[in-house]
Amino acid sequence: MIKFSIVMPSYLGDYPNSATDKEDKLIRAIESVLQQTYKNWELIIIADGCDKTINLLKKYFKTIDKNKEIALYLVPKQKIWSGVRNFGIQKATGDYIIYLDIDDYYSKDYLFNLSNEITNNDWYFVHDIKLQGNEFKKSYCDIKLGKCGTSNIIHKRKLNIKWAKSDYTEDYRFIQQLKRLSNDYKELTTVGYYVCHIPRKYDI
């Protein structure tokens, strides 16, 4: 039975093009994991120099310290997101690592459907769900064109890959690293990752 390690960096301060209502959206993201029909997962939350994250979660989830499926860490503020993600990868114990941004969420059967599709490839990419007009619809990612983000990638922990220096091309460069490391990858049909914040487009 596949175990997923879900890596979730968290910084609730303001920065250019960040989402609004980040506290509520962080809770929404975590709740979407807790409500999964598939139960073999661990959620690794890394507070990026953000005491507010720690205080909020300990208040909202009274027993978070006792939940063996959730690991909550506070690290010194990182200059780049890649350092936070790499910390999460280092702490992961699952077979496959996936990512969840604090302003997004999973559908309740997302991990279950992934587990039914995943075989033994080194890594996978999936399509996500984005707002198109007034409703959410499937949005196709394309790893060849670089139109693929953090949320679209699932990779074996044993690959020992690390995120490089962050900038606007970090997702593309990470995928190029994966392609150089292994050609054993596959496109999955599962969708269930809701992208809820795209700067200058929408924030829900």
C-alpha atoms as a PDB file:
ATOM      1  CA  MET A   1       0.000   0.000   0.000  1.00  0.00           C
ATOM      2  CA  ILE A   2       1.569   3.250  -1.167  1.00  0.00           C
ATOM      3  CA  LYS A   3       2.361   5.845   1.455  1.00  0.00           C
ATOM      4  CA  PHE A   4       2.239   9.480   0.334  1.00  0.00           C
ATOM      5  CA  SER A   5       4.330  12.195   1.953  1.00  0.00           C
ATOM      6  CA  ILE A   6       2.591  15.536   1.432  1.00  0.00           C
ATOM      7  CA  VAL A   7       4.987  18.475   1.703  1.00  0.00           C
ATOM      8  CA  MET A   8       3.344  21.791   2.599  1.00  0.00           C
ATOM      9  CA  PRO A   9       5.424  24.959   3.165  1.00  0.00           C
ATOM     10  CA  SER A  10       3.610  27.671   5.107  1.00  0.00           C
ATOM     11  CA  TYR A  11       4.255  31.384   5.374  1.00  0.00           C
ATOM     12  CA  LEU A  12       1.311  33.536   6.442  1.00  0.00           C
ATOM     13  CA  GLY A  13       2.972  36.916   6.053  1.00  0.00           C
ATOM     14  CA  ASP A  14       2.289  39.222   3.140  1.00  0.00           C
ATOM     15  CA  TYR A  15       4.453  39.252   0.038  1.00  0.00           C
ATOM     16  CA  PRO A  16       3.926  40.361  -3.587  1.00  0.00           C
ATOM     17  CA  ASN A  17       1.108  38.470  -5.322  1.00  0.00           C
ATOM     18  CA  SER A  18       0.342  36.334  -2.274  1.00  0.00           C
ATOM     19  CA  ALA A  19      -3.137  34.988  -1.599  1.00  0.00           C
ATOM     20  CA  THR A  20      -5.585  36.742   0.697  1.00  0.00           C
ATOM     21  CA  ASP A  21      -7.128  35.109   3.784  1.00  0.00           C
ATOM     22  CA  LYS A  22      -4.155  32.772   4.065  1.00  0.00           C
ATOM     23  CA  GLU A  23      -5.089  31.552   7.551  1.00  0.00           C
ATOM     24  CA  ASP A  24      -8.496  30.294   6.403  1.00  0.00           C
ATOM     25  CA  LYS A  25      -7.013  28.763   3.282  1.00  0.00           C
ATOM     26  CA  LEU A  26      -4.325  26.938   5.268  1.00  0.00           C
ATOM     27  CA  ILE A  27      -7.051  25.352   7.401  1.00  0.00           C
ATOM     28  CA  ARG A  28      -8.991  24.464   4.235  1.00  0.00           C
ATOM     29  CA  ALA A  29      -5.918  22.781   2.741  1.00  0.00           C
ATOM     30  CA  ILE A  30      -5.242  20.710   5.861  1.00  0.00           C
ATOM     31  CA  GLU A  31      -8.891  19.730   6.181  1.00  0.00           C
ATOM     32  CA  SER A  32      -8.810  18.470   2.593  1.00  0.00           C
ATOM     33  CA  VAL A  33      -6.026  16.085   3.599  1.00  0.00           C
ATOM     34  CA  LEU A  34      -7.734  14.950   6.791  1.00  0.00           C
ATOM     35  CA  GLN A  35     -10.887  14.186   4.796  1.00  0.00           C
ATOM     36  CA  GLN A  36      -9.135  11.923   2.293  1.00  0.00           C
ATOM     37  CA  THR A  37     -10.786   8.547   1.748  1.00  0.00           C
ATOM     38  CA  TYR A  38      -7.278   7.105   1.367  1.00  0.00           C
ATOM     39  CA  LYS A  39      -5.562   7.004   4.749  1.00  0.00           C
ATOM     40  CA  ASN A  40      -1.942   5.996   4.154  1.00  0.00           C
ATOM     41  CA  TRP A  41      -0.343   9.424   4.129  1.00  0.00           C
ATOM     42  CA  GLU A  42       1.709  11.831   6.202  1.00  0.00           C
ATOM     43  CA  LEU A  43       1.402  15.597   6.060  1.00  0.00           C
ATOM     44  CA  ILE A  44       4.626  17.535   6.602  1.00  0.00           C
ATOM     45  CA  ILE A  45       3.927  21.198   7.347  1.00  0.00           C
ATOM     46  CA  ILE A  46       6.976  23.450   7.421  1.00  0.00           C
ATOM     47  CA  ALA A  47       6.440  26.900   8.919  1.00  0.00           C
ATOM     48  CA  ASP A  48       8.891  29.142   7.081  1.00  0.00           C
ATOM     49  CA  GLY A  49      10.007  31.272  10.020  1.00  0.00           C
ATOM     50  CA  CYS A  50       6.294  31.694  10.688  1.00  0.00           C
ATOM     51  CA  ASP A  51       5.264  31.431  14.345  1.00  0.00           C
ATOM     52  CA  LYS A  52       1.793  32.443  13.218  1.00  0.00           C
ATOM     53  CA  THR A  53       1.446  29.119  11.409  1.00  0.00           C
ATOM     54  CA  ILE A  54       2.395  27.159  14.532  1.00  0.00           C
ATOM     55  CA  ASN A  55       0.090  29.150  16.825  1.00  0.00           C
ATOM     56  CA  LEU A  56      -2.852  28.996  14.415  1.00  0.00           C
ATOM     57  CA  LEU A  57      -2.648  25.244  13.892  1.00  0.00           C
ATOM     58  CA  LYS A  58      -2.192  24.420  17.563  1.00  0.00           C
ATOM     59  CA  LYS A  59      -5.250  26.510  18.313  1.00  0.00           C
ATOM     60  CA  TYR A  60      -7.418  25.147  15.525  1.00  0.00           C
ATOM     61  CA  PHE A  61      -6.293  21.515  15.722  1.00  0.00           C
ATOM     62  CA  LYS A  62      -6.188  20.928  19.468  1.00  0.00           C
ATOM     63  CA  THR A  63      -4.502  17.539  19.170  1.00  0.00           C
ATOM     64  CA  ILE A  64      -2.144  18.283  16.274  1.00  0.00           C
ATOM     65  CA  ASP A  65       0.886  17.395  18.421  1.00  0.00           C
ATOM     66  CA  LYS A  66      -0.622  13.952  19.020  1.00  0.00           C
ATOM     67  CA  ASN A  67      -1.580  13.265  15.412  1.00  0.00           C
ATOM     68  CA  LYS A  68       1.011  10.817  14.126  1.00  0.00           C
ATOM     69  CA  GLU A  69       0.080  11.548  10.514  1.00  0.00           C
ATOM     70  CA  ILE A  70       0.899  15.263  10.785  1.00  0.00           C
ATOM     71  CA  ALA A  71       4.402  16.592  11.384  1.00  0.00           C
ATOM     72  CA  LEU A  72       4.678  20.315  12.130  1.00  0.00           C
ATOM     73  CA  TYR A  73       8.065  22.030  11.929  1.00  0.00           C
ATOM     74  CA  LEU A  74       9.293  25.579  12.400  1.00  0.00           C
ATOM     75  CA  VAL A  75      12.444  26.471  10.454  1.00  0.00           C
ATOM     76  CA  PRO A  76      14.309  29.795  10.268  1.00  0.00           C
ATOM     77  CA  LYS A  77      12.912  32.074   7.538  1.00  0.00           C
ATOM     78  CA  GLN A  78      14.285  30.910   4.212  1.00  0.00           C
ATOM     79  CA  LYS A  79      15.280  33.270   1.444  1.00  0.00           C
ATOM     80  CA  ILE A  80      13.835  30.862  -1.119  1.00  0.00           C
ATOM     81  CA  TRP A  81      10.924  28.359  -1.160  1.00  0.00           C
ATOM     82  CA  SER A  82      13.186  25.542  -2.340  1.00  0.00           C
ATOM     83  CA  GLY A  83      14.893  25.357   1.054  1.00  0.00           C
ATOM     84  CA  VAL A  84      11.535  24.744   2.749  1.00  0.00           C
ATOM     85  CA  ARG A  85      10.511  22.062   0.273  1.00  0.00           C
ATOM     86  CA  ASN A  86      13.890  20.361   0.615  1.00  0.00           C
ATOM     87  CA  PHE A  87      13.450  20.288   4.395  1.00  0.00           C
ATOM     88  CA  GLY A  88      10.111  18.531   3.856  1.00  0.00           C
ATOM     89  CA  ILE A  89      11.691  16.002   1.503  1.00  0.00           C
ATOM     90  CA  GLN A  90      14.377  15.301   4.101  1.00  0.00           C
ATOM     91  CA  LYS A  91      11.746  14.557   6.758  1.00  0.00           C
ATOM     92  CA  ALA A  92       9.527  12.434   4.501  1.00  0.00           C
ATOM     93  CA  THR A  93       9.139   8.706   5.126  1.00  0.00           C
ATOM     94  CA  GLY A  94       6.628   7.816   2.402  1.00  0.00           C
ATOM     95  CA  ASP A  95       7.094   6.019  -0.894  1.00  0.00           C
ATOM     96  CA  TYR A  96       6.072   9.013  -2.996  1.00  0.00           C
ATOM     97  CA  ILE A  97       6.311  12.740  -2.325  1.00  0.00           C
ATOM     98  CA  ILE A  98       3.591  15.119  -3.444  1.00  0.00           C
ATOM     99  CA  TYR A  99       3.045  18.796  -2.756  1.00  0.00           C
ATOM    100  CA  LEU A 100       0.225  20.988  -1.510  1.00  0.00           C
ATOM    101  CA  ASP A 101       0.273  24.778  -1.353  1.00  0.00           C
ATOM    102  CA  ILE A 102      -1.541  26.360   1.576  1.00  0.00           C
ATOM    103  CA  ASP A 103      -3.976  28.225  -0.687  1.00  0.00           C
ATOM    104  CA  ASP A 104      -5.050  25.101  -2.626  1.00  0.00           C
ATOM    105  CA  TYR A 105      -6.806  21.860  -1.685  1.00  0.00           C
ATOM    106  CA  TYR A 106      -7.411  18.220  -2.667  1.00  0.00           C
ATOM    107  CA  SER A 107     -10.701  16.566  -3.592  1.00  0.00           C
ATOM    108  CA  LYS A 108     -11.577  13.877  -1.042  1.00  0.00           C
ATOM    109  CA  ASP A 109     -10.743  10.937  -3.358  1.00  0.00           C
ATOM    110  CA  TYR A 110      -7.569  12.440  -4.791  1.00  0.00           C
ATOM    111  CA  LEU A 111      -5.045  10.214  -3.013  1.00  0.00           C
ATOM    112  CA  PHE A 112      -7.255   7.152  -3.449  1.00  0.00           C
ATOM    113  CA  ASN A 113      -7.411   7.683  -7.207  1.00  0.00           C
ATOM    114  CA  LEU A 114      -3.667   8.332  -7.378  1.00  0.00           C
ATOM    115  CA  SER A 115      -2.952   5.119  -5.469  1.00  0.00           C
ATOM    116  CA  ASN A 116      -5.001   3.139  -7.989  1.00  0.00           C
ATOM    117  CA  GLU A 117      -3.090   4.576 -10.951  1.00  0.00           C
ATOM    118  CA  ILE A 118       0.450   4.602  -9.624  1.00  0.00           C
ATOM    119  CA  THR A 119       2.479   1.495 -10.411  1.00  0.00           C
ATOM    120  CA  ASN A 120       6.221   1.681  -9.841  1.00  0.00           C
ATOM    121  CA  ASN A 121       7.441   4.511 -12.040  1.00  0.00           C
ATOM    122  CA  ASP A 122       9.999   6.920 -10.638  1.00  0.00           C
ATOM    123  CA  TRP A 123       7.777   9.937 -11.108  1.00  0.00           C
ATOM    124  CA  TYR A 124       4.463  11.096 -12.511  1.00  0.00           C
ATOM    125  CA  PHE A 125       2.687  14.239 -13.555  1.00  0.00           C
ATOM    126  CA  VAL A 126      -1.014  14.950 -13.212  1.00  0.00           C
ATOM    127  CA  HIS A 127      -3.372  17.610 -14.458  1.00  0.00           C
ATOM    128  CA  ASP A 128      -5.102  19.939 -12.042  1.00  0.00           C
ATOM    129  CA  ILE A 129      -8.318  21.900 -11.729  1.00  0.00           C
ATOM    130  CA  LYS A 130      -8.432  25.643 -12.295  1.00  0.00           C
ATOM    131  CA  LEU A 131     -11.147  28.253 -12.422  1.00  0.00           C
ATOM    132  CA  GLN A 132     -12.336  28.867 -15.973  1.00  0.00           C
ATOM    133  CA  GLY A 133     -15.032  31.484 -16.125  1.00  0.00           C
ATOM    134  CA  ASN A 134     -17.327  30.780 -13.184  1.00  0.00           C
ATOM    135  CA  GLU A 135     -16.511  27.124 -12.623  1.00  0.00           C
ATOM    136  CA  PHE A 136     -13.625  24.798 -11.957  1.00  0.00           C
ATOM    137  CA  LYS A 137     -12.505  22.693 -14.909  1.00  0.00           C
ATOM    138  CA  LYS A 138      -9.665  20.325 -15.706  1.00  0.00           C
ATOM    139  CA  SER A 139      -6.533  22.206 -16.713  1.00  0.00           C
ATOM    140  CA  TYR A 140      -3.893  20.348 -18.692  1.00  0.00           C
ATOM    141  CA  CYS A 141      -0.224  20.610 -17.774  1.00  0.00           C
ATOM    142  CA  ASP A 142       2.531  20.140 -20.340  1.00  0.00           C
ATOM    143  CA  ILE A 143       5.974  19.219 -19.044  1.00  0.00           C
ATOM    144  CA  LYS A 144       7.503  19.806 -22.471  1.00  0.00           C
ATOM    145  CA  LEU A 145       6.484  23.447 -22.551  1.00  0.00           C
ATOM    146  CA  GLY A 146       7.146  24.124 -18.894  1.00  0.00           C
ATOM    147  CA  LYS A 147       3.428  24.591 -18.236  1.00  0.00           C
ATOM    148  CA  CYS A 148       3.534  22.409 -15.173  1.00  0.00           C
ATOM    149  CA  GLY A 149       3.785  23.379 -11.522  1.00  0.00           C
ATOM    150  CA  THR A 150       4.691  21.958  -8.134  1.00  0.00           C
ATOM    151  CA  SER A 151       1.199  20.598  -7.669  1.00  0.00           C
ATOM    152  CA  ASN A 152       1.449  18.482 -10.818  1.00  0.00           C
ATOM    153  CA  ILE A 153       4.439  16.401  -9.720  1.00  0.00           C
ATOM    154  CA  ILE A 154       4.621  13.112  -7.790  1.00  0.00           C
ATOM    155  CA  HIS A 155       8.023  11.490  -7.323  1.00  0.00           C
ATOM    156  CA  LYS A 156       9.653   8.667  -5.440  1.00  0.00           C
ATOM    157  CA  ARG A 157      11.349   9.712  -2.228  1.00  0.00           C
ATOM    158  CA  LYS A 158      14.260   7.419  -3.084  1.00  0.00           C
ATOM    159  CA  LEU A 159      15.193   9.605  -6.050  1.00  0.00           C
ATOM    160  CA  ASN A 160      16.841  11.950  -3.519  1.00  0.00           C
ATOM    161  CA  ILE A 161      16.128  14.952  -5.715  1.00  0.00           C
ATOM    162  CA  LYS A 162      16.320  18.494  -4.347  1.00  0.00           C
ATOM    163  CA  TRP A 163      14.706  21.718  -5.416  1.00  0.00           C
ATOM    164  CA  ALA A 164      17.173  24.230  -6.846  1.00  0.00           C
ATOM    165  CA  LYS A 165      17.328  27.965  -6.241  1.00  0.00           C
ATOM    166  CA  SER A 166      13.876  29.551  -6.420  1.00  0.00           C
ATOM    167  CA  ASP A 167      12.679  31.983  -9.023  1.00  0.00           C
ATOM    168  CA  TYR A 168       9.775  32.122 -11.454  1.00  0.00           C
ATOM    169  CA  THR A 169      11.138  29.084 -13.321  1.00  0.00           C
ATOM    170  CA  GLU A 170      11.665  26.832 -10.296  1.00  0.00           C
ATOM    171  CA  ASP A 171       8.912  24.367 -11.253  1.00  0.00           C
ATOM    172  CA  TYR A 172      10.181  24.065 -14.813  1.00  0.00           C
ATOM    173  CA  ARG A 173      13.773  23.561 -13.675  1.00  0.00           C
ATOM    174  CA  PHE A 174      12.697  20.949 -11.120  1.00  0.00           C
ATOM    175  CA  ILE A 175      10.951  18.977 -13.860  1.00  0.00           C
ATOM    176  CA  GLN A 176      14.043  19.228 -16.039  1.00  0.00           C
ATOM    177  CA  GLN A 177      16.037  17.775 -13.143  1.00  0.00           C
ATOM    178  CA  LEU A 178      13.570  14.902 -12.892  1.00  0.00           C
ATOM    179  CA  LYS A 179      13.793  14.226 -16.629  1.00  0.00           C
ATOM    180  CA  ARG A 180      17.591  14.153 -16.501  1.00  0.00           C
ATOM    181  CA  LEU A 181      17.509  11.888 -13.468  1.00  0.00           C
ATOM    182  CA  SER A 182      14.993   9.389 -14.845  1.00  0.00           C
ATOM    183  CA  ASN A 183      13.018   8.769 -18.015  1.00  0.00           C
ATOM    184  CA  ASP A 184      10.787   6.391 -16.079  1.00  0.00           C
ATOM    185  CA  TYR A 185       7.804   8.697 -15.763  1.00  0.00           C
ATOM    186  CA  LYS A 186       4.138   8.606 -16.695  1.00  0.00           C
ATOM    187  CA  GLU A 187       1.155  10.891 -17.186  1.00  0.00           C
ATOM    188  CA  LEU A 188      -1.791  10.057 -14.928  1.00  0.00           C
ATOM    189  CA  THR A 189      -5.478  10.607 -15.648  1.00  0.00           C
ATOM    190  CA  THR A 190      -6.364  11.413 -12.034  1.00  0.00           C
ATOM    191  CA  VAL A 191      -7.453  14.977 -11.326  1.00  0.00           C
ATOM    192  CA  GLY A 192      -8.261  16.341  -7.898  1.00  0.00           C
ATOM    193  CA  TYR A 193      -5.865  19.170  -7.104  1.00  0.00           C
ATOM    194  CA  TYR A 194      -7.714  22.504  -6.947  1.00  0.00           C
ATOM    195  CA  VAL A 195      -5.565  25.528  -7.777  1.00  0.00           C
ATOM    196  CA  CYS A 196      -7.268  28.376  -5.946  1.00  0.00           C
ATOM    197  CA  HIS A 197      -4.813  31.238  -6.340  1.00  0.00           C
ATOM    198  CA  ILE A 198      -3.236  32.536  -9.503  1.00  0.00           C
ATOM    199  CA  PRO A 199      -1.750  36.041  -9.118  1.00  0.00           C
ATOM    200  CA  ARG A 200      -3.597  38.746 -11.020  1.00  0.00           C
ATOM    201  CA  LYS A 201      -6.197  36.218 -12.204  1.00  0.00           C
ATOM    202  CA  TYR A 202      -8.178  34.936  -9.233  1.00  0.00           C
ATOM    203  CA  ASP A 203      -7.963  34.248  -5.524  1.00  0.00           C
ATOM    204  CA  ILE A 204     -10.693  32.106  -4.015  1.00  0.00           C
END
